[in-house]
Amino acid sequence: MRFLLTLCFAAGVAWGFEGLPSLHAPITLVVDSEKPIAAEALRELQNELNHLLKPGGRSVEWKQLSEMKAGAEVSDLIVVRFRGSCRMETMPALLDERGPLALTHTADGDVLPFSEVLCDRVKAAARSAMHGGQVPDGNKLMGRAMARVLAHEVWHITANTQKHGKDGVAQRGLTGAQLISDKFEFNEADAAAFTRK
């Protein structure tokens, strides 16, 4: 399925989502962030997200909202806004980590291709699982955590479901340890949802 990007979503105009993506079509993520994402976090975010989606036969084409032109054609569009500070400070922030790490909008029971990653909550969850030796790699771990949270939301969108998986990245309520661990992926059944029609 192809979308004609008119940037009307930037003005708050709602538009339709026609269902699940085509088999093996790249997912176009049009991203915007309130504050700049640390370069190391962004690299890890992009690498980890592609790694997580690969077993489902999907890849990601990353575009900045500011670079998009009216009338540009993209496939399987998902718009993502990163809210808060998406960089790991050396001193832990005293934030309440309860609540969602991200959210995806829905309408009339359909999951819409619009998500928000709440970076301050992701950071607090990731930081809660870090030990002193991991602090120098804070932005890399932040990128990994953001990728897993975003992959979870992309899964909801492409599977058009508000339900959760039993384990892995699609499960409800990811922990700080799961967000930054060396290996944490979708289980086989949930990865298959990326290509299910």
N, C-alpha and C. Protein backbone atom coordinates (compact mmCIF):
# COMPACT_ATOMS: atom_id res chain seq x y z
N MET A 1 0.84 -1.16 0.00
CA MET A 1 0.00 0.00 0.00
C MET A 1 0.88 1.23 0.00
N ARG A 2 0.52 2.23 -0.71
CA ARG A 2 1.32 3.46 -0.82
C ARG A 2 0.53 4.61 -0.22
N PHE A 3 1.22 5.49 0.43
CA PHE A 3 0.59 6.67 1.00
C PHE A 3 1.13 7.90 0.29
N LEU A 4 0.30 8.85 0.05
CA LEU A 4 0.74 10.13 -0.50
C LEU A 4 0.89 11.08 0.68
N LEU A 5 2.11 11.44 0.98
CA LEU A 5 2.38 12.28 2.13
C LEU A 5 2.16 13.73 1.76
N THR A 6 1.19 14.35 2.35
CA THR A 6 0.89 15.74 2.05
C THR A 6 1.23 16.67 3.19
N LEU A 7 1.75 16.08 4.25
CA LEU A 7 2.09 16.82 5.46
C LEU A 7 0.87 17.44 6.13
N CYS A 8 -0.31 16.99 5.74
CA CYS A 8 -1.51 17.50 6.39
C CYS A 8 -1.54 17.06 7.84
N PHE A 9 -0.88 15.93 8.18
CA PHE A 9 -0.88 15.48 9.56
C PHE A 9 -0.17 16.48 10.46
N ALA A 10 0.76 17.26 9.93
CA ALA A 10 1.46 18.25 10.74
C ALA A 10 0.51 19.34 11.21
N ALA A 11 -0.53 19.57 10.45
CA ALA A 11 -1.53 20.57 10.83
C ALA A 11 -2.66 19.96 11.65
N GLY A 12 -2.55 18.67 11.95
CA GLY A 12 -3.54 18.02 12.78
C GLY A 12 -4.73 17.47 12.03
N VAL A 13 -4.64 17.35 10.73
CA VAL A 13 -5.76 16.82 9.95
C VAL A 13 -5.70 15.30 9.99
N ALA A 14 -6.78 14.67 10.35
CA ALA A 14 -6.81 13.20 10.42
C ALA A 14 -7.04 12.63 9.03
N TRP A 15 -6.42 11.46 8.77
CA TRP A 15 -6.62 10.80 7.49
C TRP A 15 -6.62 9.31 7.70
N GLY A 16 -7.11 8.56 6.74
CA GLY A 16 -7.35 7.14 6.92
C GLY A 16 -6.13 6.27 6.85
N PHE A 17 -6.24 5.11 7.48
CA PHE A 17 -5.22 4.07 7.44
C PHE A 17 -5.90 2.88 6.80
N GLU A 18 -5.34 2.36 5.71
CA GLU A 18 -6.03 1.37 4.90
C GLU A 18 -5.74 -0.07 5.28
N GLY A 19 -5.19 -0.33 6.47
CA GLY A 19 -4.99 -1.72 6.89
C GLY A 19 -3.54 -2.09 7.01
N LEU A 20 -3.26 -3.35 6.87
CA LEU A 20 -1.94 -3.89 7.11
C LEU A 20 -1.00 -3.63 5.93
N PRO A 21 0.31 -3.56 6.21
CA PRO A 21 1.27 -3.28 5.16
C PRO A 21 1.47 -4.45 4.21
N SER A 22 2.03 -4.16 3.05
CA SER A 22 2.35 -5.18 2.07
C SER A 22 3.48 -6.06 2.57
N LEU A 23 3.48 -7.30 2.13
CA LEU A 23 4.52 -8.24 2.50
C LEU A 23 5.89 -7.72 2.11
N HIS A 24 6.78 -7.63 3.07
CA HIS A 24 8.17 -7.23 2.90
C HIS A 24 8.38 -5.80 2.40
N ALA A 25 7.37 -4.98 2.37
CA ALA A 25 7.57 -3.57 1.99
C ALA A 25 8.29 -2.87 3.13
N PRO A 26 9.18 -1.92 2.81
CA PRO A 26 9.83 -1.19 3.89
C PRO A 26 8.80 -0.33 4.63
N ILE A 27 9.01 -0.15 5.90
CA ILE A 27 8.19 0.74 6.70
C ILE A 27 8.87 2.11 6.69
N THR A 28 8.15 3.14 6.31
CA THR A 28 8.71 4.49 6.33
C THR A 28 8.33 5.14 7.64
N LEU A 29 9.35 5.42 8.46
CA LEU A 29 9.14 6.14 9.71
C LEU A 29 9.45 7.60 9.47
N VAL A 30 8.45 8.44 9.61
CA VAL A 30 8.66 9.88 9.53
C VAL A 30 8.73 10.35 10.98
N VAL A 31 9.90 10.84 11.39
CA VAL A 31 10.14 11.14 12.79
C VAL A 31 10.33 12.62 13.04
N ASP A 32 9.93 13.00 14.24
CA ASP A 32 10.10 14.35 14.73
C ASP A 32 10.45 14.22 16.20
N SER A 33 11.24 15.12 16.73
CA SER A 33 11.57 15.07 18.14
C SER A 33 11.56 16.47 18.74
N GLU A 34 11.11 16.54 19.99
CA GLU A 34 11.07 17.83 20.68
C GLU A 34 12.48 18.39 20.88
N LYS A 35 13.42 17.49 21.19
CA LYS A 35 14.81 17.87 21.42
C LYS A 35 15.68 16.95 20.58
N PRO A 36 16.89 17.39 20.21
CA PRO A 36 17.76 16.52 19.41
C PRO A 36 18.07 15.21 20.14
N ILE A 37 18.09 14.12 19.38
CA ILE A 37 18.46 12.81 19.93
C ILE A 37 19.98 12.70 19.84
N ALA A 38 20.61 12.24 20.91
CA ALA A 38 22.07 12.07 20.92
C ALA A 38 22.48 11.19 19.75
N ALA A 39 23.57 11.54 19.06
CA ALA A 39 24.00 10.82 17.86
C ALA A 39 24.20 9.33 18.12
N GLU A 40 24.85 8.98 19.24
CA GLU A 40 25.08 7.57 19.55
C GLU A 40 23.76 6.84 19.81
N ALA A 41 22.83 7.52 20.46
CA ALA A 41 21.51 6.92 20.71
C ALA A 41 20.76 6.71 19.40
N LEU A 42 20.84 7.66 18.49
CA LEU A 42 20.16 7.55 17.21
C LEU A 42 20.70 6.39 16.38
N ARG A 43 22.04 6.25 16.34
CA ARG A 43 22.65 5.12 15.60
C ARG A 43 22.18 3.78 16.15
N GLU A 44 22.20 3.66 17.48
CA GLU A 44 21.78 2.40 18.10
C GLU A 44 20.28 2.16 17.89
N LEU A 45 19.49 3.21 17.98
CA LEU A 45 18.05 3.12 17.74
C LEU A 45 17.78 2.56 16.35
N GLN A 46 18.43 3.12 15.33
CA GLN A 46 18.20 2.67 13.96
C GLN A 46 18.69 1.24 13.75
N ASN A 47 19.87 0.91 14.26
CA ASN A 47 20.42 -0.44 14.10
C ASN A 47 19.56 -1.48 14.81
N GLU A 48 19.18 -1.20 16.06
CA GLU A 48 18.41 -2.16 16.84
C GLU A 48 17.01 -2.33 16.26
N LEU A 49 16.38 -1.26 15.81
CA LEU A 49 15.04 -1.36 15.23
C LEU A 49 15.07 -2.24 13.98
N ASN A 50 16.03 -2.03 13.11
CA ASN A 50 16.14 -2.89 11.92
C ASN A 50 16.40 -4.34 12.31
N HIS A 51 17.23 -4.56 13.32
CA HIS A 51 17.51 -5.92 13.80
C HIS A 51 16.23 -6.59 14.32
N LEU A 52 15.41 -5.84 15.07
CA LEU A 52 14.19 -6.40 15.65
C LEU A 52 13.13 -6.72 14.59
N LEU A 53 13.08 -5.93 13.53
CA LEU A 53 12.04 -6.13 12.51
C LEU A 53 12.46 -7.14 11.44
N LYS A 54 13.75 -7.42 11.33
CA LYS A 54 14.26 -8.31 10.27
C LYS A 54 13.64 -9.70 10.30
N PRO A 55 13.46 -10.36 11.47
CA PRO A 55 12.85 -11.70 11.46
C PRO A 55 11.42 -11.70 10.89
N GLY A 56 10.74 -10.55 10.96
CA GLY A 56 9.41 -10.42 10.38
C GLY A 56 9.45 -10.01 8.92
N GLY A 57 10.64 -9.97 8.33
CA GLY A 57 10.77 -9.63 6.92
C GLY A 57 10.59 -8.16 6.63
N ARG A 58 10.78 -7.29 7.61
CA ARG A 58 10.57 -5.86 7.41
C ARG A 58 11.87 -5.09 7.58
N SER A 59 11.94 -3.95 6.94
CA SER A 59 13.04 -3.01 7.11
C SER A 59 12.44 -1.63 7.33
N VAL A 60 13.27 -0.70 7.74
CA VAL A 60 12.80 0.64 8.05
C VAL A 60 13.53 1.67 7.20
N GLU A 61 12.76 2.56 6.64
CA GLU A 61 13.31 3.72 5.93
C GLU A 61 13.04 4.91 6.83
N TRP A 62 14.09 5.56 7.30
CA TRP A 62 14.01 6.61 8.31
C TRP A 62 14.00 7.97 7.64
N LYS A 63 12.98 8.80 7.92
CA LYS A 63 12.91 10.14 7.34
C LYS A 63 12.59 11.13 8.45
N GLN A 64 13.22 12.29 8.38
CA GLN A 64 12.92 13.37 9.31
C GLN A 64 11.73 14.17 8.78
N LEU A 65 10.82 14.53 9.67
CA LEU A 65 9.65 15.31 9.27
C LEU A 65 10.06 16.59 8.55
N SER A 66 11.11 17.24 9.05
CA SER A 66 11.56 18.51 8.47
C SER A 66 12.07 18.36 7.04
N GLU A 67 12.45 17.15 6.64
CA GLU A 67 12.97 16.90 5.29
C GLU A 67 11.90 16.48 4.29
N MET A 68 10.69 16.22 4.76
CA MET A 68 9.63 15.73 3.89
C MET A 68 9.05 16.86 3.05
N LYS A 69 8.77 16.54 1.82
CA LYS A 69 8.18 17.50 0.88
C LYS A 69 6.73 17.10 0.61
N ALA A 70 5.88 18.07 0.42
CA ALA A 70 4.49 17.80 0.08
C ALA A 70 4.44 16.99 -1.22
N GLY A 71 3.61 15.96 -1.24
CA GLY A 71 3.45 15.14 -2.43
C GLY A 71 4.42 13.97 -2.52
N ALA A 72 5.34 13.84 -1.57
CA ALA A 72 6.30 12.73 -1.60
C ALA A 72 5.57 11.42 -1.36
N GLU A 73 5.91 10.39 -2.14
CA GLU A 73 5.30 9.08 -1.96
C GLU A 73 6.18 8.23 -1.06
N VAL A 74 5.54 7.58 -0.11
CA VAL A 74 6.25 6.68 0.80
C VAL A 74 5.41 5.42 0.97
N SER A 75 6.04 4.33 1.40
CA SER A 75 5.28 3.11 1.63
C SER A 75 5.13 2.88 3.12
N ASP A 76 4.01 2.33 3.52
CA ASP A 76 3.72 1.94 4.90
C ASP A 76 4.19 2.98 5.90
N LEU A 77 3.55 4.12 5.86
CA LEU A 77 3.91 5.28 6.66
C LEU A 77 3.54 5.11 8.12
N ILE A 78 4.50 5.41 9.00
CA ILE A 78 4.25 5.53 10.43
C ILE A 78 4.91 6.84 10.87
N VAL A 79 4.16 7.68 11.55
CA VAL A 79 4.67 8.95 12.04
C VAL A 79 4.99 8.78 13.52
N VAL A 80 6.22 9.13 13.92
CA VAL A 80 6.67 8.95 15.29
C VAL A 80 7.18 10.28 15.82
N ARG A 81 6.72 10.64 17.00
CA ARG A 81 7.21 11.84 17.68
C ARG A 81 7.92 11.40 18.95
N PHE A 82 9.16 11.86 19.12
CA PHE A 82 9.92 11.58 20.33
C PHE A 82 9.76 12.78 21.25
N ARG A 83 9.14 12.54 22.40
CA ARG A 83 8.87 13.61 23.35
C ARG A 83 9.88 13.55 24.50
N GLY A 84 10.27 14.72 25.00
CA GLY A 84 11.20 14.79 26.12
C GLY A 84 12.64 14.74 25.64
N SER A 85 13.54 14.44 26.58
CA SER A 85 14.98 14.39 26.28
C SER A 85 15.39 12.96 25.97
N CYS A 86 15.85 12.73 24.74
CA CYS A 86 16.25 11.39 24.29
C CYS A 86 17.75 11.23 24.35
N ARG A 87 18.34 11.59 25.46
CA ARG A 87 19.76 11.39 25.70
C ARG A 87 19.94 11.05 27.17
N MET A 88 20.92 10.22 27.46
CA MET A 88 21.17 9.76 28.82
C MET A 88 22.17 10.69 29.50
N GLU A 89 21.74 11.29 30.58
CA GLU A 89 22.64 12.13 31.36
C GLU A 89 23.48 11.23 32.27
N THR A 90 24.64 11.73 32.70
CA THR A 90 25.50 10.93 33.57
C THR A 90 24.91 10.82 34.98
N MET A 91 24.15 11.81 35.40
CA MET A 91 23.49 11.75 36.71
C MET A 91 22.06 11.27 36.50
N PRO A 92 21.60 10.33 37.33
CA PRO A 92 20.23 9.83 37.16
C PRO A 92 19.20 10.91 37.43
N ALA A 93 18.17 10.93 36.62
CA ALA A 93 17.06 11.86 36.82
C ALA A 93 16.07 11.23 37.79
N LEU A 94 15.49 12.05 38.63
CA LEU A 94 14.50 11.56 39.58
C LEU A 94 13.12 11.71 38.96
N LEU A 95 12.75 10.72 38.17
CA LEU A 95 11.47 10.76 37.46
C LEU A 95 10.62 9.57 37.87
N ASP A 96 9.34 9.76 37.82
CA ASP A 96 8.40 8.68 38.07
C ASP A 96 8.34 7.82 36.82
N GLU A 97 8.74 6.54 36.91
CA GLU A 97 8.76 5.69 35.72
C GLU A 97 7.48 4.90 35.53
N ARG A 98 6.47 5.14 36.35
CA ARG A 98 5.20 4.46 36.13
C ARG A 98 4.50 5.06 34.92
N GLY A 99 3.71 4.26 34.29
CA GLY A 99 2.98 4.75 33.12
C GLY A 99 3.61 4.24 31.84
N PRO A 100 2.98 4.53 30.71
CA PRO A 100 3.46 4.00 29.43
C PRO A 100 4.79 4.63 29.01
N LEU A 101 5.57 3.86 28.26
CA LEU A 101 6.83 4.33 27.71
C LEU A 101 6.59 4.95 26.33
N ALA A 102 5.48 4.59 25.71
CA ALA A 102 5.10 5.11 24.39
C ALA A 102 3.61 4.92 24.23
N LEU A 103 3.06 5.53 23.22
CA LEU A 103 1.65 5.33 22.92
C LEU A 103 1.42 5.42 21.44
N THR A 104 0.42 4.70 20.99
CA THR A 104 0.01 4.72 19.58
C THR A 104 -1.47 5.05 19.57
N HIS A 105 -1.84 5.92 18.68
CA HIS A 105 -3.22 6.40 18.62
C HIS A 105 -4.13 5.38 17.94
N THR A 106 -5.38 5.35 18.39
CA THR A 106 -6.40 4.47 17.81
C THR A 106 -7.66 5.28 17.51
N ALA A 107 -8.49 4.75 16.62
CA ALA A 107 -9.78 5.35 16.31
C ALA A 107 -10.72 4.26 15.84
N ASP A 108 -11.88 4.18 16.44
CA ASP A 108 -12.90 3.20 16.05
C ASP A 108 -12.35 1.77 16.03
N GLY A 109 -11.50 1.45 16.99
CA GLY A 109 -10.96 0.10 17.09
C GLY A 109 -9.76 -0.18 16.20
N ASP A 110 -9.40 0.75 15.31
CA ASP A 110 -8.23 0.57 14.44
C ASP A 110 -7.02 1.24 15.07
N VAL A 111 -5.88 0.61 14.92
CA VAL A 111 -4.61 1.18 15.38
C VAL A 111 -4.08 2.07 14.26
N LEU A 112 -3.90 3.34 14.56
CA LEU A 112 -3.46 4.31 13.56
C LEU A 112 -1.92 4.38 13.50
N PRO A 113 -1.36 4.81 12.39
CA PRO A 113 0.09 4.85 12.24
C PRO A 113 0.73 6.12 12.82
N PHE A 114 0.33 6.47 14.05
CA PHE A 114 0.86 7.64 14.72
C PHE A 114 1.26 7.26 16.14
N SER A 115 2.55 7.37 16.46
CA SER A 115 3.06 6.98 17.78
C SER A 115 3.85 8.10 18.42
N GLU A 116 3.97 8.02 19.72
CA GLU A 116 4.81 8.92 20.48
C GLU A 116 5.65 8.08 21.43
N VAL A 117 6.96 8.33 21.46
CA VAL A 117 7.86 7.68 22.40
C VAL A 117 8.15 8.71 23.49
N LEU A 118 7.90 8.34 24.73
CA LEU A 118 8.07 9.24 25.88
C LEU A 118 9.48 9.03 26.44
N CYS A 119 10.42 9.77 25.88
CA CYS A 119 11.85 9.54 26.16
C CYS A 119 12.21 9.64 27.63
N ASP A 120 11.61 10.56 28.36
CA ASP A 120 11.96 10.70 29.77
C ASP A 120 11.58 9.45 30.56
N ARG A 121 10.46 8.84 30.23
CA ARG A 121 10.06 7.60 30.90
C ARG A 121 10.94 6.43 30.47
N VAL A 122 11.27 6.37 29.17
CA VAL A 122 12.17 5.33 28.68
C VAL A 122 13.52 5.45 29.38
N LYS A 123 14.01 6.68 29.49
CA LYS A 123 15.30 6.93 30.13
C LYS A 123 15.28 6.48 31.59
N ALA A 124 14.21 6.80 32.32
CA ALA A 124 14.11 6.41 33.73
C ALA A 124 14.09 4.89 33.87
N ALA A 125 13.36 4.22 33.00
CA ALA A 125 13.29 2.75 33.05
C ALA A 125 14.65 2.14 32.73
N ALA A 126 15.32 2.64 31.68
CA ALA A 126 16.63 2.12 31.31
C ALA A 126 17.65 2.39 32.41
N ARG A 127 17.64 3.59 32.94
CA ARG A 127 18.58 3.98 33.99
C ARG A 127 18.42 3.12 35.23
N SER A 128 17.18 2.73 35.54
CA SER A 128 16.93 1.91 36.74
C SER A 128 17.60 0.55 36.65
N ALA A 129 17.92 0.09 35.44
CA ALA A 129 18.54 -1.23 35.26
C ALA A 129 20.04 -1.15 35.01
N MET A 130 20.57 0.06 34.90
CA MET A 130 22.00 0.22 34.60
C MET A 130 22.84 0.14 35.87
N HIS A 131 24.03 -0.41 35.74
CA HIS A 131 25.00 -0.38 36.84
C HIS A 131 26.10 0.59 36.46
N GLY A 132 26.95 0.94 37.41
CA GLY A 132 27.96 1.98 37.22
C GLY A 132 28.82 1.81 35.99
N GLY A 133 29.19 0.57 35.66
CA GLY A 133 30.05 0.33 34.51
C GLY A 133 29.37 0.60 33.17
N GLN A 134 28.05 0.73 33.17
CA GLN A 134 27.32 0.98 31.93
C GLN A 134 27.11 2.47 31.65
N VAL A 135 27.40 3.32 32.63
CA VAL A 135 27.15 4.75 32.47
C VAL A 135 27.85 5.34 31.25
N PRO A 136 29.13 4.99 30.96
CA PRO A 136 29.76 5.55 29.75
C PRO A 136 29.03 5.17 28.45
N ASP A 137 28.29 4.06 28.47
CA ASP A 137 27.53 3.64 27.29
C ASP A 137 26.07 4.07 27.37
N GLY A 138 25.79 5.07 28.18
CA GLY A 138 24.41 5.48 28.44
C GLY A 138 23.60 5.81 27.21
N ASN A 139 24.17 6.57 26.27
CA ASN A 139 23.41 6.95 25.07
C ASN A 139 23.18 5.76 24.15
N LYS A 140 24.14 4.84 24.09
CA LYS A 140 23.94 3.63 23.30
C LYS A 140 22.79 2.81 23.89
N LEU A 141 22.79 2.67 25.22
CA LEU A 141 21.72 1.92 25.88
C LEU A 141 20.38 2.63 25.75
N MET A 142 20.41 3.96 25.76
CA MET A 142 19.18 4.74 25.55
C MET A 142 18.63 4.46 24.16
N GLY A 143 19.49 4.44 23.15
CA GLY A 143 19.05 4.14 21.78
C GLY A 143 18.47 2.75 21.68
N ARG A 144 19.10 1.78 22.33
CA ARG A 144 18.59 0.40 22.33
C ARG A 144 17.21 0.35 22.98
N ALA A 145 17.07 1.04 24.11
CA ALA A 145 15.78 1.06 24.81
C ALA A 145 14.69 1.71 23.96
N MET A 146 15.01 2.84 23.31
CA MET A 146 14.03 3.51 22.45
C MET A 146 13.64 2.62 21.28
N ALA A 147 14.61 1.88 20.72
CA ALA A 147 14.31 0.98 19.59
C ALA A 147 13.32 -0.09 20.01
N ARG A 148 13.50 -0.66 21.18
CA ARG A 148 12.62 -1.73 21.64
C ARG A 148 11.22 -1.21 21.93
N VAL A 149 11.15 -0.02 22.52
CA VAL A 149 9.84 0.60 22.77
C VAL A 149 9.16 0.92 21.44
N LEU A 150 9.91 1.49 20.50
CA LEU A 150 9.34 1.83 19.20
C LEU A 150 8.95 0.58 18.42
N ALA A 151 9.77 -0.47 18.47
CA ALA A 151 9.44 -1.72 17.79
C ALA A 151 8.13 -2.29 18.33
N HIS A 152 7.90 -2.16 19.62
CA HIS A 152 6.65 -2.60 20.24
C HIS A 152 5.46 -1.85 19.63
N GLU A 153 5.61 -0.53 19.46
CA GLU A 153 4.53 0.26 18.87
C GLU A 153 4.35 -0.04 17.39
N VAL A 154 5.44 -0.23 16.66
CA VAL A 154 5.35 -0.59 15.24
C VAL A 154 4.64 -1.92 15.10
N TRP A 155 4.88 -2.84 16.01
CA TRP A 155 4.19 -4.14 16.00
C TRP A 155 2.69 -3.94 16.15
N HIS A 156 2.26 -3.11 17.11
CA HIS A 156 0.82 -2.82 17.27
C HIS A 156 0.23 -2.28 15.96
N ILE A 157 0.95 -1.37 15.31
CA ILE A 157 0.45 -0.73 14.09
C ILE A 157 0.36 -1.74 12.94
N THR A 158 1.44 -2.46 12.69
CA THR A 158 1.44 -3.37 11.54
C THR A 158 0.51 -4.56 11.74
N ALA A 159 0.35 -5.00 12.99
CA ALA A 159 -0.58 -6.11 13.27
C ALA A 159 -2.00 -5.60 13.47
N ASN A 160 -2.18 -4.27 13.53
CA ASN A 160 -3.48 -3.64 13.78
C ASN A 160 -4.17 -4.27 14.98
N THR A 161 -3.44 -4.32 16.11
CA THR A 161 -3.98 -4.91 17.33
C THR A 161 -3.61 -4.09 18.54
N GLN A 162 -4.52 -4.06 19.51
CA GLN A 162 -4.25 -3.43 20.79
C GLN A 162 -3.84 -4.48 21.82
N LYS A 163 -3.87 -5.76 21.42
CA LYS A 163 -3.46 -6.84 22.32
C LYS A 163 -1.95 -6.89 22.41
N HIS A 164 -1.45 -7.72 23.32
CA HIS A 164 -0.01 -7.87 23.50
C HIS A 164 0.40 -9.32 23.35
N GLY A 165 1.68 -9.53 23.10
CA GLY A 165 2.23 -10.88 23.04
C GLY A 165 2.44 -11.43 24.44
N LYS A 166 2.74 -12.72 24.53
CA LYS A 166 2.96 -13.34 25.84
C LYS A 166 4.34 -13.05 26.39
N ASP A 167 5.32 -12.87 25.51
CA ASP A 167 6.68 -12.58 25.95
C ASP A 167 7.40 -11.84 24.84
N GLY A 168 8.66 -11.48 25.07
CA GLY A 168 9.43 -10.77 24.08
C GLY A 168 9.00 -9.32 23.93
N VAL A 169 9.43 -8.67 22.86
CA VAL A 169 9.22 -7.24 22.65
C VAL A 169 7.73 -6.88 22.59
N ALA A 170 6.88 -7.78 22.17
CA ALA A 170 5.44 -7.48 22.04
C ALA A 170 4.68 -7.63 23.35
N GLN A 171 5.34 -8.07 24.43
CA GLN A 171 4.63 -8.26 25.70
C GLN A 171 4.24 -6.92 26.31
N ARG A 172 3.29 -6.97 27.22
CA ARG A 172 2.86 -5.77 27.93
C ARG A 172 3.92 -5.43 28.99
N GLY A 173 4.24 -4.18 29.13
CA GLY A 173 5.09 -3.73 30.22
C GLY A 173 6.54 -4.19 30.17
N LEU A 174 7.34 -3.61 29.30
CA LEU A 174 8.76 -3.95 29.21
C LEU A 174 9.51 -3.36 30.41
N THR A 175 10.42 -4.14 30.98
CA THR A 175 11.20 -3.68 32.13
C THR A 175 12.46 -2.96 31.67
N GLY A 176 13.06 -2.22 32.58
CA GLY A 176 14.32 -1.56 32.28
C GLY A 176 15.39 -2.54 31.86
N ALA A 177 15.46 -3.68 32.53
CA ALA A 177 16.46 -4.70 32.19
C ALA A 177 16.23 -5.24 30.78
N GLN A 178 14.97 -5.44 30.38
CA GLN A 178 14.67 -5.91 29.03
C GLN A 178 15.02 -4.86 27.99
N LEU A 179 14.84 -3.59 28.34
CA LEU A 179 15.10 -2.51 27.39
C LEU A 179 16.58 -2.37 27.05
N ILE A 180 17.47 -2.71 27.99
CA ILE A 180 18.90 -2.49 27.73
C ILE A 180 19.71 -3.79 27.63
N SER A 181 19.08 -4.94 27.79
CA SER A 181 19.83 -6.20 27.75
C SER A 181 20.48 -6.40 26.39
N ASP A 182 21.53 -7.23 26.37
CA ASP A 182 22.24 -7.48 25.11
C ASP A 182 21.35 -8.10 24.06
N LYS A 183 20.40 -8.93 24.48
CA LYS A 183 19.51 -9.59 23.52
C LYS A 183 18.09 -9.64 24.08
N PHE A 184 17.17 -9.09 23.33
CA PHE A 184 15.74 -9.14 23.67
C PHE A 184 14.99 -8.89 22.38
N GLU A 185 14.19 -9.85 21.94
CA GLU A 185 13.59 -9.78 20.61
C GLU A 185 12.11 -10.17 20.64
N PHE A 186 11.47 -10.13 19.49
CA PHE A 186 10.12 -10.65 19.32
C PHE A 186 10.19 -12.17 19.32
N ASN A 187 9.15 -12.82 19.88
CA ASN A 187 9.11 -14.27 19.69
C ASN A 187 8.66 -14.55 18.26
N GLU A 188 8.80 -15.78 17.83
CA GLU A 188 8.56 -16.13 16.42
C GLU A 188 7.13 -15.81 15.98
N ALA A 189 6.15 -16.12 16.84
CA ALA A 189 4.75 -15.88 16.47
C ALA A 189 4.48 -14.38 16.31
N ASP A 190 5.02 -13.56 17.21
CA ASP A 190 4.79 -12.12 17.12
C ASP A 190 5.53 -11.50 15.94
N ALA A 191 6.72 -12.00 15.63
CA ALA A 191 7.46 -11.50 14.45
C ALA A 191 6.68 -11.78 13.18
N ALA A 192 5.95 -12.89 13.14
CA ALA A 192 5.17 -13.23 11.96
C ALA A 192 4.04 -12.22 11.71
N ALA A 193 3.63 -11.49 12.74
CA ALA A 193 2.55 -10.52 12.57
C ALA A 193 2.95 -9.36 11.67
N PHE A 194 4.24 -9.14 11.46
CA PHE A 194 4.69 -8.05 10.57
C PHE A 194 4.32 -8.32 9.13
N THR A 195 4.12 -9.58 8.76
CA THR A 195 3.82 -9.90 7.36
C THR A 195 2.45 -10.54 7.19
N ARG A 196 1.71 -10.68 8.28
CA ARG A 196 0.38 -11.30 8.20
C ARG A 196 -0.59 -10.36 7.49
N LYS A 197 -1.43 -10.90 6.63
CA LYS A 197 -2.46 -10.14 5.92
C LYS A 197 -3.79 -10.33 6.59
